[in-house]
Structure formats: structure tokens, C-alpha cells
N, C-alpha and C. Protein backbone atom coordinates (compact mmCIF):
# COMPACT_ATOMS: atom_id res chain seq x y z
N UNK A 1 123.33 -34.62 -71.12
CA UNK A 1 124.45 -34.71 -70.21
C UNK A 1 125.26 -35.97 -70.44
N UNK A 2 126.34 -36.07 -69.73
CA UNK A 2 127.33 -37.12 -69.90
C UNK A 2 127.21 -38.14 -68.76
N UNK A 3 127.44 -39.40 -69.12
CA UNK A 3 127.34 -40.48 -68.14
C UNK A 3 128.40 -41.56 -68.43
N UNK A 4 129.41 -41.21 -69.19
CA UNK A 4 130.48 -42.10 -69.67
C UNK A 4 130.01 -42.91 -70.87
N UNK A 5 130.93 -43.59 -71.51
CA UNK A 5 130.60 -44.39 -72.69
C UNK A 5 130.16 -45.80 -72.31
N UNK A 6 130.91 -46.45 -71.42
CA UNK A 6 130.63 -47.86 -71.13
C UNK A 6 130.13 -48.11 -69.71
N UNK A 7 129.87 -47.06 -68.94
CA UNK A 7 129.29 -47.17 -67.60
C UNK A 7 130.18 -47.91 -66.61
N UNK A 8 131.47 -47.57 -66.53
CA UNK A 8 132.33 -48.22 -65.54
C UNK A 8 132.08 -47.65 -64.15
N UNK A 9 132.53 -48.40 -63.16
CA UNK A 9 132.36 -48.01 -61.76
C UNK A 9 133.65 -47.37 -61.26
N UNK A 10 133.60 -46.09 -60.93
CA UNK A 10 134.78 -45.38 -60.44
C UNK A 10 135.26 -45.95 -59.11
N UNK A 11 134.42 -46.68 -58.41
CA UNK A 11 134.85 -47.31 -57.16
C UNK A 11 135.65 -48.59 -57.39
N UNK A 12 135.74 -49.04 -58.63
CA UNK A 12 136.49 -50.26 -58.92
C UNK A 12 137.98 -50.04 -58.70
N UNK A 13 138.59 -50.97 -58.00
CA UNK A 13 140.03 -50.88 -57.75
C UNK A 13 140.84 -51.08 -59.02
N UNK A 14 140.24 -51.67 -60.05
CA UNK A 14 140.97 -51.92 -61.29
C UNK A 14 140.81 -50.81 -62.31
N UNK A 15 140.00 -49.81 -62.00
CA UNK A 15 139.79 -48.69 -62.91
C UNK A 15 140.55 -47.47 -62.41
N UNK A 16 141.38 -46.92 -63.27
CA UNK A 16 142.15 -45.73 -62.86
C UNK A 16 141.33 -44.47 -63.09
N UNK A 17 141.75 -43.43 -62.42
CA UNK A 17 141.13 -42.13 -62.61
C UNK A 17 141.26 -41.70 -64.06
N UNK A 18 142.42 -41.89 -64.66
CA UNK A 18 142.65 -41.51 -66.06
C UNK A 18 141.72 -42.27 -67.00
N UNK A 19 141.48 -43.54 -66.75
CA UNK A 19 140.56 -44.32 -67.58
C UNK A 19 139.14 -43.77 -67.49
N UNK A 20 138.72 -43.43 -66.29
CA UNK A 20 137.38 -42.90 -66.09
C UNK A 20 137.24 -41.54 -66.77
N UNK A 21 138.25 -40.71 -66.64
CA UNK A 21 138.23 -39.40 -67.30
C UNK A 21 138.16 -39.56 -68.80
N UNK A 22 138.84 -40.55 -69.36
CA UNK A 22 138.78 -40.78 -70.80
C UNK A 22 137.38 -41.19 -71.22
N UNK A 23 136.70 -41.95 -70.37
CA UNK A 23 135.30 -42.32 -70.63
C UNK A 23 134.43 -41.07 -70.78
N UNK A 24 134.66 -40.09 -69.93
CA UNK A 24 133.90 -38.84 -69.98
C UNK A 24 134.21 -38.10 -71.29
N UNK A 25 135.49 -38.01 -71.63
CA UNK A 25 135.89 -37.32 -72.86
C UNK A 25 135.34 -38.03 -74.09
N UNK A 26 135.37 -39.35 -74.09
CA UNK A 26 134.85 -40.10 -75.24
C UNK A 26 133.34 -39.91 -75.40
N UNK A 27 132.63 -39.88 -74.28
CA UNK A 27 131.19 -39.63 -74.34
C UNK A 27 130.92 -38.22 -74.84
N UNK A 28 131.70 -37.27 -74.35
CA UNK A 28 131.51 -35.89 -74.76
C UNK A 28 131.67 -35.74 -76.27
N UNK A 29 132.62 -36.47 -76.85
CA UNK A 29 132.84 -36.41 -78.30
C UNK A 29 131.60 -36.86 -79.07
N UNK A 30 130.81 -37.76 -78.49
CA UNK A 30 129.60 -38.26 -79.13
C UNK A 30 128.43 -37.29 -78.93
N UNK A 31 128.27 -36.77 -77.73
CA UNK A 31 127.04 -36.03 -77.40
C UNK A 31 127.11 -34.53 -77.64
N UNK A 32 128.28 -33.96 -77.78
CA UNK A 32 128.39 -32.49 -77.83
C UNK A 32 127.69 -31.85 -79.02
N UNK A 33 127.40 -32.61 -80.06
CA UNK A 33 126.71 -32.03 -81.22
C UNK A 33 125.20 -32.24 -81.16
N UNK A 34 124.71 -32.92 -80.13
CA UNK A 34 123.29 -33.23 -80.04
C UNK A 34 122.49 -32.04 -79.52
N UNK A 35 121.25 -31.90 -79.97
CA UNK A 35 120.39 -30.83 -79.45
C UNK A 35 120.19 -30.99 -77.93
N UNK A 36 120.20 -29.89 -77.22
CA UNK A 36 119.99 -29.91 -75.79
C UNK A 36 121.21 -30.27 -74.97
N UNK A 37 122.34 -30.42 -75.63
CA UNK A 37 123.58 -30.78 -74.95
C UNK A 37 123.87 -29.83 -73.80
N UNK A 38 124.19 -30.41 -72.67
CA UNK A 38 124.58 -29.64 -71.49
C UNK A 38 125.85 -30.27 -70.94
N UNK A 39 126.70 -29.46 -70.38
CA UNK A 39 127.92 -29.97 -69.75
C UNK A 39 127.60 -30.35 -68.30
N UNK A 40 126.77 -31.37 -68.20
CA UNK A 40 126.40 -31.95 -66.93
C UNK A 40 126.90 -33.39 -66.92
N UNK A 41 127.35 -33.83 -65.77
CA UNK A 41 127.85 -35.19 -65.65
C UNK A 41 127.20 -35.87 -64.45
N UNK A 42 126.70 -37.09 -64.66
CA UNK A 42 126.20 -37.89 -63.55
C UNK A 42 127.10 -39.10 -63.41
N UNK A 43 127.66 -39.25 -62.22
CA UNK A 43 128.53 -40.37 -61.95
C UNK A 43 127.78 -41.69 -62.10
N UNK A 44 128.44 -42.66 -62.70
CA UNK A 44 127.86 -43.99 -62.81
C UNK A 44 127.71 -44.59 -61.41
N UNK A 45 126.60 -45.26 -61.21
CA UNK A 45 126.27 -45.88 -59.92
C UNK A 45 126.22 -44.85 -58.79
N UNK A 46 126.20 -43.56 -59.14
CA UNK A 46 126.20 -42.45 -58.18
C UNK A 46 127.42 -42.49 -57.27
N UNK A 47 128.51 -43.04 -57.78
CA UNK A 47 129.73 -43.18 -56.98
C UNK A 47 130.81 -42.26 -57.51
N UNK A 48 131.34 -41.43 -56.62
CA UNK A 48 132.34 -40.43 -57.00
C UNK A 48 133.77 -40.91 -56.78
N UNK A 49 133.94 -42.20 -56.54
CA UNK A 49 135.29 -42.74 -56.36
C UNK A 49 135.46 -43.39 -55.01
N UNK A 50 136.30 -44.42 -54.97
CA UNK A 50 136.52 -45.16 -53.74
C UNK A 50 137.70 -44.62 -52.93
N UNK A 51 138.31 -43.54 -53.41
CA UNK A 51 139.41 -42.91 -52.68
C UNK A 51 139.25 -41.40 -52.77
N UNK A 52 139.79 -40.67 -51.81
CA UNK A 52 139.77 -39.21 -51.92
C UNK A 52 140.48 -38.72 -53.18
N UNK A 53 141.51 -39.43 -53.61
CA UNK A 53 142.24 -39.02 -54.82
C UNK A 53 141.35 -39.10 -56.06
N UNK A 54 140.57 -40.18 -56.18
CA UNK A 54 139.66 -40.30 -57.32
C UNK A 54 138.57 -39.23 -57.24
N UNK A 55 137.98 -39.10 -56.06
CA UNK A 55 136.90 -38.11 -55.88
C UNK A 55 137.40 -36.70 -56.22
N UNK A 56 138.50 -36.30 -55.60
CA UNK A 56 139.02 -34.95 -55.82
C UNK A 56 139.55 -34.78 -57.23
N UNK A 57 140.15 -35.85 -57.77
CA UNK A 57 140.64 -35.80 -59.14
C UNK A 57 139.51 -35.61 -60.15
N UNK A 58 138.40 -36.29 -59.93
CA UNK A 58 137.25 -36.12 -60.83
C UNK A 58 136.63 -34.74 -60.67
N UNK A 59 136.56 -34.26 -59.46
CA UNK A 59 135.99 -32.92 -59.25
C UNK A 59 136.84 -31.87 -59.98
N UNK A 60 138.14 -31.97 -59.87
CA UNK A 60 139.03 -31.03 -60.57
C UNK A 60 138.91 -31.20 -62.08
N UNK A 61 138.84 -32.43 -62.55
CA UNK A 61 138.71 -32.72 -63.98
C UNK A 61 137.42 -32.13 -64.54
N UNK A 62 136.31 -32.37 -63.84
CA UNK A 62 135.03 -31.84 -64.31
C UNK A 62 135.07 -30.32 -64.38
N UNK A 63 135.66 -29.70 -63.39
CA UNK A 63 135.77 -28.24 -63.39
C UNK A 63 136.63 -27.77 -64.57
N UNK A 64 137.74 -28.42 -64.81
CA UNK A 64 138.62 -28.06 -65.92
C UNK A 64 137.92 -28.21 -67.27
N UNK A 65 137.05 -29.20 -67.37
CA UNK A 65 136.33 -29.47 -68.62
C UNK A 65 135.05 -28.63 -68.75
N UNK A 66 134.75 -27.85 -67.73
CA UNK A 66 133.54 -27.02 -67.77
C UNK A 66 132.27 -27.79 -67.45
N UNK A 67 132.40 -28.94 -66.82
CA UNK A 67 131.25 -29.76 -66.44
C UNK A 67 130.81 -29.44 -65.03
N UNK A 68 129.55 -29.68 -64.77
CA UNK A 68 129.06 -29.65 -63.40
C UNK A 68 128.50 -31.02 -63.07
N UNK A 69 128.60 -31.37 -61.80
CA UNK A 69 128.06 -32.63 -61.33
C UNK A 69 126.54 -32.50 -61.29
N UNK A 70 125.87 -33.35 -62.02
CA UNK A 70 124.40 -33.36 -62.03
C UNK A 70 123.94 -34.32 -60.94
N UNK A 71 123.94 -33.81 -59.72
CA UNK A 71 123.57 -34.63 -58.57
C UNK A 71 122.15 -35.17 -58.70
N UNK A 72 121.94 -36.29 -58.06
CA UNK A 72 120.63 -36.92 -57.95
C UNK A 72 120.25 -36.90 -56.48
N UNK A 73 119.02 -36.54 -56.19
CA UNK A 73 118.58 -36.52 -54.80
C UNK A 73 117.47 -37.53 -54.53
N UNK A 74 116.91 -38.11 -55.57
CA UNK A 74 115.81 -39.06 -55.41
C UNK A 74 116.11 -40.28 -56.28
N UNK A 75 116.64 -41.31 -55.64
CA UNK A 75 117.00 -42.54 -56.34
C UNK A 75 115.81 -43.50 -56.29
N UNK A 76 115.40 -44.01 -57.43
CA UNK A 76 114.20 -44.84 -57.50
C UNK A 76 114.48 -46.33 -57.60
N UNK A 77 115.72 -46.72 -57.87
CA UNK A 77 116.04 -48.13 -58.11
C UNK A 77 115.16 -48.73 -59.20
N UNK A 78 114.80 -47.89 -60.17
CA UNK A 78 113.91 -48.35 -61.25
C UNK A 78 114.50 -49.49 -62.05
N UNK A 79 115.81 -49.58 -62.10
CA UNK A 79 116.46 -50.66 -62.85
C UNK A 79 116.11 -52.02 -62.27
N UNK A 80 115.90 -52.08 -60.95
CA UNK A 80 115.49 -53.36 -60.33
C UNK A 80 114.10 -53.76 -60.81
N UNK A 81 113.20 -52.79 -60.89
CA UNK A 81 111.86 -53.08 -61.37
C UNK A 81 111.88 -53.45 -62.85
N UNK A 82 112.76 -52.81 -63.60
CA UNK A 82 112.89 -53.15 -65.01
C UNK A 82 113.37 -54.59 -65.17
N UNK A 83 114.33 -55.00 -64.35
CA UNK A 83 114.80 -56.39 -64.40
C UNK A 83 113.65 -57.36 -64.11
N UNK A 84 112.84 -57.05 -63.09
CA UNK A 84 111.71 -57.91 -62.72
C UNK A 84 110.67 -57.94 -63.83
N UNK A 85 110.38 -56.79 -64.42
CA UNK A 85 109.42 -56.70 -65.52
C UNK A 85 109.86 -57.59 -66.68
N UNK A 86 111.11 -57.49 -67.05
CA UNK A 86 111.63 -58.30 -68.16
C UNK A 86 111.58 -59.79 -67.84
N UNK A 87 111.87 -60.14 -66.59
CA UNK A 87 111.80 -61.54 -66.16
C UNK A 87 110.37 -62.06 -66.30
N UNK A 88 109.42 -61.28 -65.86
CA UNK A 88 108.00 -61.67 -65.95
C UNK A 88 107.60 -61.86 -67.40
N UNK A 89 107.97 -60.89 -68.24
CA UNK A 89 107.56 -60.94 -69.65
C UNK A 89 108.25 -62.06 -70.42
N UNK A 90 109.47 -62.42 -70.02
CA UNK A 90 110.15 -63.55 -70.67
C UNK A 90 109.42 -64.85 -70.38
N UNK A 91 108.90 -64.99 -69.17
CA UNK A 91 108.17 -66.20 -68.80
C UNK A 91 106.78 -66.23 -69.43
N UNK A 92 106.15 -65.05 -69.48
CA UNK A 92 104.78 -64.97 -70.01
C UNK A 92 104.55 -63.59 -70.62
N UNK A 93 104.67 -63.46 -71.94
CA UNK A 93 104.47 -62.15 -72.58
C UNK A 93 103.06 -61.57 -72.38
N UNK A 94 102.10 -62.41 -71.97
CA UNK A 94 100.74 -61.94 -71.73
C UNK A 94 100.45 -61.74 -70.24
N UNK A 95 101.46 -61.73 -69.42
CA UNK A 95 101.29 -61.63 -67.97
C UNK A 95 100.54 -60.36 -67.58
N UNK A 96 99.80 -60.45 -66.50
CA UNK A 96 99.13 -59.28 -65.92
C UNK A 96 100.19 -58.45 -65.20
N UNK A 97 100.47 -57.26 -65.69
CA UNK A 97 101.50 -56.41 -65.12
C UNK A 97 100.97 -55.44 -64.07
N UNK A 98 99.67 -55.46 -63.84
CA UNK A 98 99.07 -54.51 -62.90
C UNK A 98 99.68 -54.60 -61.50
N UNK A 99 99.93 -55.81 -60.96
CA UNK A 99 100.54 -55.85 -59.61
C UNK A 99 101.93 -55.22 -59.57
N UNK A 100 102.75 -55.46 -60.60
CA UNK A 100 104.09 -54.87 -60.63
C UNK A 100 104.00 -53.36 -60.80
N UNK A 101 103.08 -52.90 -61.63
CA UNK A 101 102.90 -51.47 -61.82
C UNK A 101 102.51 -50.80 -60.50
N UNK A 102 101.57 -51.40 -59.78
CA UNK A 102 101.13 -50.85 -58.49
C UNK A 102 102.29 -50.81 -57.50
N UNK A 103 103.09 -51.87 -57.48
CA UNK A 103 104.24 -51.92 -56.59
C UNK A 103 105.26 -50.85 -56.98
N UNK A 104 105.49 -50.69 -58.28
CA UNK A 104 106.44 -49.68 -58.75
C UNK A 104 106.00 -48.27 -58.34
N UNK A 105 104.76 -47.96 -58.59
CA UNK A 105 104.25 -46.63 -58.23
C UNK A 105 104.29 -46.41 -56.72
N UNK A 106 103.97 -47.44 -55.95
CA UNK A 106 104.05 -47.33 -54.50
C UNK A 106 105.49 -47.10 -54.06
N UNK A 107 106.40 -47.80 -54.68
CA UNK A 107 107.82 -47.65 -54.36
C UNK A 107 108.30 -46.23 -54.68
N UNK A 108 107.94 -45.72 -55.84
CA UNK A 108 108.33 -44.35 -56.22
C UNK A 108 107.79 -43.36 -55.20
N UNK A 109 106.54 -43.51 -54.84
CA UNK A 109 105.92 -42.62 -53.85
C UNK A 109 106.66 -42.68 -52.52
N UNK A 110 106.93 -43.89 -52.04
CA UNK A 110 107.63 -44.07 -50.77
C UNK A 110 109.01 -43.42 -50.83
N UNK A 111 109.75 -43.63 -51.92
CA UNK A 111 111.08 -43.05 -52.04
C UNK A 111 111.00 -41.52 -52.07
N UNK A 112 110.04 -40.99 -52.81
CA UNK A 112 109.89 -39.54 -52.91
C UNK A 112 109.61 -38.94 -51.54
N UNK A 113 108.71 -39.55 -50.79
CA UNK A 113 108.38 -39.03 -49.47
C UNK A 113 109.57 -39.16 -48.51
N UNK A 114 110.32 -40.25 -48.62
CA UNK A 114 111.49 -40.43 -47.76
C UNK A 114 112.57 -39.40 -48.07
N UNK A 115 112.83 -39.16 -49.35
CA UNK A 115 113.85 -38.17 -49.70
C UNK A 115 113.39 -36.75 -49.39
N UNK A 116 112.09 -36.51 -49.48
CA UNK A 116 111.57 -35.20 -49.07
C UNK A 116 111.78 -35.00 -47.58
N UNK A 117 111.47 -36.03 -46.80
CA UNK A 117 111.68 -35.95 -45.35
C UNK A 117 113.15 -35.73 -45.02
N UNK A 118 114.03 -36.38 -45.77
CA UNK A 118 115.47 -36.21 -45.56
C UNK A 118 115.89 -34.77 -45.86
N UNK A 119 115.36 -34.20 -46.94
CA UNK A 119 115.72 -32.81 -47.26
C UNK A 119 115.23 -31.86 -46.18
N UNK A 120 114.07 -32.13 -45.65
CA UNK A 120 113.56 -31.28 -44.56
C UNK A 120 114.40 -31.43 -43.29
N UNK A 121 114.84 -32.66 -43.03
CA UNK A 121 115.68 -32.91 -41.86
C UNK A 121 117.05 -32.24 -42.01
N UNK A 122 117.67 -32.38 -43.17
CA UNK A 122 119.04 -31.89 -43.36
C UNK A 122 119.11 -30.42 -43.76
N UNK A 123 118.13 -29.94 -44.51
CA UNK A 123 118.16 -28.56 -45.01
C UNK A 123 117.10 -27.68 -44.36
N UNK A 124 116.18 -28.28 -43.63
CA UNK A 124 115.11 -27.51 -42.99
C UNK A 124 114.07 -27.00 -43.97
N UNK A 125 114.03 -27.61 -45.16
CA UNK A 125 113.09 -27.16 -46.19
C UNK A 125 113.00 -28.22 -47.28
N UNK A 126 112.01 -28.03 -48.14
CA UNK A 126 111.95 -28.86 -49.34
C UNK A 126 113.00 -28.36 -50.32
N UNK A 127 113.68 -29.29 -50.96
CA UNK A 127 114.59 -28.91 -52.04
C UNK A 127 113.97 -29.38 -53.35
N UNK A 128 114.44 -28.83 -54.42
CA UNK A 128 114.02 -29.30 -55.75
C UNK A 128 114.67 -30.67 -55.95
N UNK A 129 113.88 -31.69 -55.96
CA UNK A 129 114.41 -33.05 -56.09
C UNK A 129 114.80 -33.34 -57.54
N UNK A 130 115.91 -34.02 -57.70
CA UNK A 130 116.35 -34.49 -59.02
C UNK A 130 116.22 -36.00 -59.00
N UNK A 131 115.29 -36.50 -59.78
CA UNK A 131 114.96 -37.92 -59.76
C UNK A 131 115.84 -38.69 -60.74
N UNK A 132 116.26 -39.86 -60.32
CA UNK A 132 117.02 -40.76 -61.18
C UNK A 132 116.08 -41.77 -61.79
N UNK A 133 115.87 -41.64 -63.09
CA UNK A 133 115.09 -42.61 -63.86
C UNK A 133 115.91 -43.00 -65.07
N UNK A 134 115.89 -44.27 -65.39
CA UNK A 134 116.65 -44.77 -66.53
C UNK A 134 115.77 -44.88 -67.78
N UNK A 135 116.42 -44.89 -68.92
CA UNK A 135 115.77 -45.12 -70.20
C UNK A 135 115.59 -46.63 -70.32
N UNK A 136 114.43 -47.12 -69.87
CA UNK A 136 114.19 -48.57 -69.87
C UNK A 136 112.71 -48.86 -70.07
N UNK A 137 112.38 -50.13 -70.12
CA UNK A 137 111.01 -50.54 -70.41
C UNK A 137 110.04 -50.12 -69.32
N UNK A 138 110.42 -50.27 -68.06
CA UNK A 138 109.50 -49.93 -66.98
C UNK A 138 109.07 -48.46 -67.07
N UNK A 139 109.99 -47.59 -67.41
CA UNK A 139 109.63 -46.17 -67.53
C UNK A 139 108.94 -45.86 -68.85
N UNK A 140 109.26 -46.61 -69.89
CA UNK A 140 108.54 -46.43 -71.15
C UNK A 140 107.05 -46.74 -70.95
N UNK A 141 106.79 -47.74 -70.14
CA UNK A 141 105.40 -48.13 -69.90
C UNK A 141 104.69 -47.23 -68.91
N UNK A 142 105.39 -46.81 -67.84
CA UNK A 142 104.69 -46.20 -66.72
C UNK A 142 105.16 -44.80 -66.32
N UNK A 143 105.98 -44.16 -67.13
CA UNK A 143 106.42 -42.81 -66.78
C UNK A 143 105.25 -41.83 -66.67
N UNK A 144 104.28 -41.94 -67.55
CA UNK A 144 103.11 -41.05 -67.44
C UNK A 144 102.40 -41.25 -66.11
N UNK A 145 102.35 -42.48 -65.64
CA UNK A 145 101.71 -42.77 -64.35
C UNK A 145 102.54 -42.19 -63.19
N UNK A 146 103.86 -42.27 -63.32
CA UNK A 146 104.74 -41.69 -62.30
C UNK A 146 104.52 -40.18 -62.22
N UNK A 147 104.48 -39.53 -63.38
CA UNK A 147 104.26 -38.08 -63.42
C UNK A 147 102.89 -37.73 -62.84
N UNK A 148 101.86 -38.48 -63.23
CA UNK A 148 100.51 -38.23 -62.70
C UNK A 148 100.49 -38.40 -61.18
N UNK A 149 101.21 -39.39 -60.68
CA UNK A 149 101.26 -39.62 -59.23
C UNK A 149 101.91 -38.44 -58.53
N UNK A 150 103.03 -37.93 -59.09
CA UNK A 150 103.67 -36.77 -58.48
C UNK A 150 102.73 -35.57 -58.47
N UNK A 151 102.04 -35.35 -59.55
CA UNK A 151 101.10 -34.23 -59.61
C UNK A 151 99.97 -34.41 -58.60
N UNK A 152 99.49 -35.64 -58.45
CA UNK A 152 98.44 -35.92 -57.46
C UNK A 152 98.95 -35.70 -56.04
N UNK A 153 100.26 -35.84 -55.84
CA UNK A 153 100.86 -35.60 -54.53
C UNK A 153 101.09 -34.11 -54.29
N UNK A 154 100.79 -33.28 -55.30
CA UNK A 154 100.98 -31.84 -55.17
C UNK A 154 102.36 -31.37 -55.59
N UNK A 155 103.16 -32.25 -56.18
CA UNK A 155 104.49 -31.90 -56.64
C UNK A 155 104.38 -31.32 -58.04
N UNK A 156 105.34 -30.49 -58.39
CA UNK A 156 105.37 -29.96 -59.76
C UNK A 156 106.66 -30.42 -60.43
N UNK A 157 106.63 -30.45 -61.73
CA UNK A 157 107.77 -30.88 -62.53
C UNK A 157 108.50 -29.62 -62.99
N UNK A 158 109.82 -29.63 -62.88
CA UNK A 158 110.62 -28.50 -63.31
C UNK A 158 111.74 -28.99 -64.22
N UNK A 159 112.54 -28.11 -64.70
CA UNK A 159 113.66 -28.48 -65.56
C UNK A 159 114.86 -28.87 -64.71
N UNK A 160 115.77 -29.65 -65.27
CA UNK A 160 117.00 -29.94 -64.53
C UNK A 160 117.77 -28.66 -64.16
N UNK A 161 117.82 -27.70 -65.07
CA UNK A 161 118.55 -26.46 -64.78
C UNK A 161 117.95 -25.73 -63.59
N UNK A 162 116.63 -25.67 -63.52
CA UNK A 162 115.98 -24.99 -62.40
C UNK A 162 116.22 -25.75 -61.10
N UNK A 163 116.13 -27.08 -61.15
CA UNK A 163 116.36 -27.87 -59.94
C UNK A 163 117.80 -27.73 -59.46
N UNK A 164 118.75 -27.83 -60.38
CA UNK A 164 120.16 -27.77 -60.01
C UNK A 164 120.61 -26.37 -59.60
N UNK A 165 119.74 -25.38 -59.79
CA UNK A 165 120.04 -24.02 -59.32
C UNK A 165 119.87 -23.91 -57.80
N UNK A 166 119.20 -24.88 -57.19
CA UNK A 166 119.04 -24.88 -55.73
C UNK A 166 120.43 -24.92 -55.09
N UNK A 167 120.68 -24.08 -54.09
CA UNK A 167 122.01 -24.04 -53.46
C UNK A 167 122.50 -25.37 -52.91
N UNK A 168 121.59 -26.29 -52.59
CA UNK A 168 122.02 -27.57 -52.03
C UNK A 168 122.88 -28.34 -53.04
N UNK A 169 122.67 -28.09 -54.32
CA UNK A 169 123.43 -28.81 -55.35
C UNK A 169 124.81 -28.19 -55.60
N UNK A 170 125.14 -27.17 -54.85
CA UNK A 170 126.49 -26.60 -54.90
C UNK A 170 127.38 -27.19 -53.83
N UNK A 171 126.80 -27.94 -52.90
CA UNK A 171 127.56 -28.56 -51.83
C UNK A 171 128.46 -29.66 -52.40
N UNK A 172 129.58 -29.87 -51.75
CA UNK A 172 130.51 -30.92 -52.17
C UNK A 172 130.62 -31.95 -51.04
N UNK A 173 129.75 -32.95 -51.04
CA UNK A 173 129.77 -33.90 -49.93
C UNK A 173 131.04 -34.75 -49.92
N UNK A 174 131.43 -35.16 -48.73
CA UNK A 174 132.57 -36.06 -48.57
C UNK A 174 132.12 -37.50 -48.72
């Protein structure tokens, strides 16, 4: 899927809608020949624009380009843990990472349960959660542990296509 080329923030007052759309087109030119390519787009910083014009303009643009919004329902803030991990390792490459790993897994669990509770509150049911995880060191080290934790919680792993088929991902929030 597409996530722009340089990761600009559509909520920025100095970034125009046209500039952001060009970011999407430029990324598409790079990724469209890759195996597994899908016309899915995830907004940077999960922000769809700081004005109705940007939000509606991007929605119309994505539709015109044949893209769908690849919504995220479970935000992990993993990038914060990655920053902390790198800080620790810069100070001491031999540091004991077990406490940070335990905190990370606990955080993921807490977020998963909170977003599950939110889906039950708002939709009256469990929805197929779409988790936001970045390609970074913290997940390179502990993604298997995250997956094992979800399985131990009784959750199953599905494909993005199956998750995004849930009707909740057709909603257009304001």
C-alpha cells in the first residue's frame, strides 16, 4: 500500500492538498510494480487533513485514483518504544532489554483491549482490528512476541483484505 514518499503531515498549514496528492502519485510510481501491490492508502500520522476541504479533497482524489483508505483501528505508538529502544542501545549496546520488552508487550495488550472495548461500545461487537505497526527495530526484535501474545489472548491473525472487508471500514468519519 501507499503511505506517501516523504511522510508529510496533511494537517500542516504549509502543505497544500495538491502537494499531498503528488506525494501519493509519486509513491504509487515506485510501488505499483512490486509484488503484493494493493491500491490501499494510509494517511500519514493518521490525519486526513486539518480542513474539510483537505479531507474531502483527499477522499475524492483517492476514489478517482482507485485507492481505498486503509484505516487503522489499533494504534500501538510503537515508534515511541522504538525511539526509547534506540536511546538505550546508544548508551549501552549490551543493555538488558527485558524491562522494555515487557513494557512494550504490556502496552500492546492494553491498547488492544482498549480498542476492543471501544469497538464493542461503538459497534456493539468485535470488529476485525487493523493494527498499526511500523517497520522498525522494536518490531524486528519483538514482533513474534506480539503475535504470540495476541494468540495467547485468543485473537487470530487475518489478512488486511479480510479485516478491511468489515463494514465498519466503509464508514467515513468526520
